[in-house]
Amino acid sequence: MRCEFDDGLRVSYAGRLRIHKENEINVYLDPEEIPETIQGRLHDAVVHDDCGDLRSIAHEVTDMFGTNLPEQ
């Protein structure tokens, strides 16, 4: 699932979670790095095709992990 927002935030989830916003946010998490509580919410967002929830999750993840976790 991929969602793009008017403020430039892009969030995609297909096993890996990727969050990007211009030069401000670059987060890439492999499935094993995503906390279980977040995994469940990601699954629900995908099942319900809910970009609003995906945006909320992206904010929570960046608060938790920071805004710059480059892809490895």
Protein backbone atom coordinates (compact mmCIF):
# COMPACT_ATOMS: atom_id res chain seq x y z
CA MET A 1 0.00 0.00 0.00
CA ARG A 2 1.26 3.47 -0.83
CA CYS A 3 -0.15 6.82 0.24
CA GLU A 4 0.96 10.31 -0.76
CA PHE A 5 -0.18 13.45 1.00
CA ASP A 6 -0.39 17.10 -0.02
CA ASP A 7 2.37 18.11 2.42
CA GLY A 8 4.89 15.87 0.63
CA LEU A 9 4.70 12.92 3.03
CA ARG A 10 4.83 9.52 1.31
CA VAL A 11 4.26 6.28 3.18
CA SER A 12 4.46 2.81 1.70
CA TYR A 13 4.07 -0.56 3.31
CA ALA A 14 4.58 -3.92 1.67
CA GLY A 15 6.42 -5.88 4.34
CA ARG A 16 8.91 -3.03 4.65
CA LEU A 17 7.73 0.30 5.95
CA ARG A 18 9.04 3.33 4.09
CA ILE A 19 8.35 6.90 5.16
CA HIS A 20 9.67 9.85 3.18
CA LYS A 21 9.10 13.58 3.25
CA GLU A 22 11.40 15.69 1.09
CA ASN A 23 14.64 16.28 3.04
CA GLU A 24 12.97 15.99 6.45
CA ILE A 25 12.11 12.31 6.88
CA ASN A 26 13.69 9.14 5.52
CA VAL A 27 12.73 6.01 7.42
CA TYR A 28 13.06 2.45 6.14
CA LEU A 29 12.19 -0.44 8.44
CA ASP A 30 12.33 -4.12 7.63
CA PRO A 31 9.47 -6.25 8.98
CA GLU A 32 11.50 -7.54 11.94
CA GLU A 33 12.29 -3.96 13.01
CA ILE A 34 8.64 -2.90 13.21
CA PRO A 35 7.14 -3.34 16.71
CA GLU A 36 4.30 -5.87 16.91
CA THR A 37 1.77 -3.22 17.95
CA ILE A 38 2.60 -1.22 14.83
CA GLN A 39 2.56 -4.36 12.65
CA GLY A 40 -1.06 -5.02 13.60
CA ARG A 41 -2.10 -1.46 12.85
CA LEU A 42 -0.28 -1.56 9.50
CA HIS A 43 -2.13 -4.74 8.59
CA ASP A 44 -5.47 -3.14 9.51
CA ALA A 45 -4.65 0.00 7.48
CA VAL A 46 -3.88 -2.13 4.42
CA VAL A 47 -7.00 -4.28 4.82
CA HIS A 48 -9.18 -1.18 5.11
CA ASP A 49 -7.20 0.85 2.55
CA ASP A 50 -6.91 3.61 5.17
CA CYS A 51 -4.32 6.27 4.27
CA GLY A 52 -5.34 8.34 7.30
CA ASP A 53 -4.31 5.54 9.63
CA LEU A 54 -1.11 4.99 7.65
CA ARG A 55 -0.27 8.68 8.14
CA SER A 56 -0.91 8.37 11.89
CA ILE A 57 1.34 5.31 12.05
CA ALA A 58 4.07 7.17 10.15
CA HIS A 59 4.03 9.97 12.73
CA GLU A 60 4.16 7.46 15.58
CA VAL A 61 7.06 5.57 13.97
CA THR A 62 9.10 8.73 13.37
CA ASP A 63 8.47 9.80 16.99
CA MET A 64 9.65 6.37 18.12
CA PHE A 65 12.65 5.85 15.84
CA GLY A 66 13.64 9.30 14.62
CA THR A 67 13.42 10.81 11.17
CA ASN A 68 16.48 9.41 9.45
CA LEU A 69 16.92 5.66 9.23
CA PRO A 70 18.43 5.04 5.79
CA GLU A 71 17.75 1.93 3.77
CA GLN A 72 20.45 -0.65 4.27
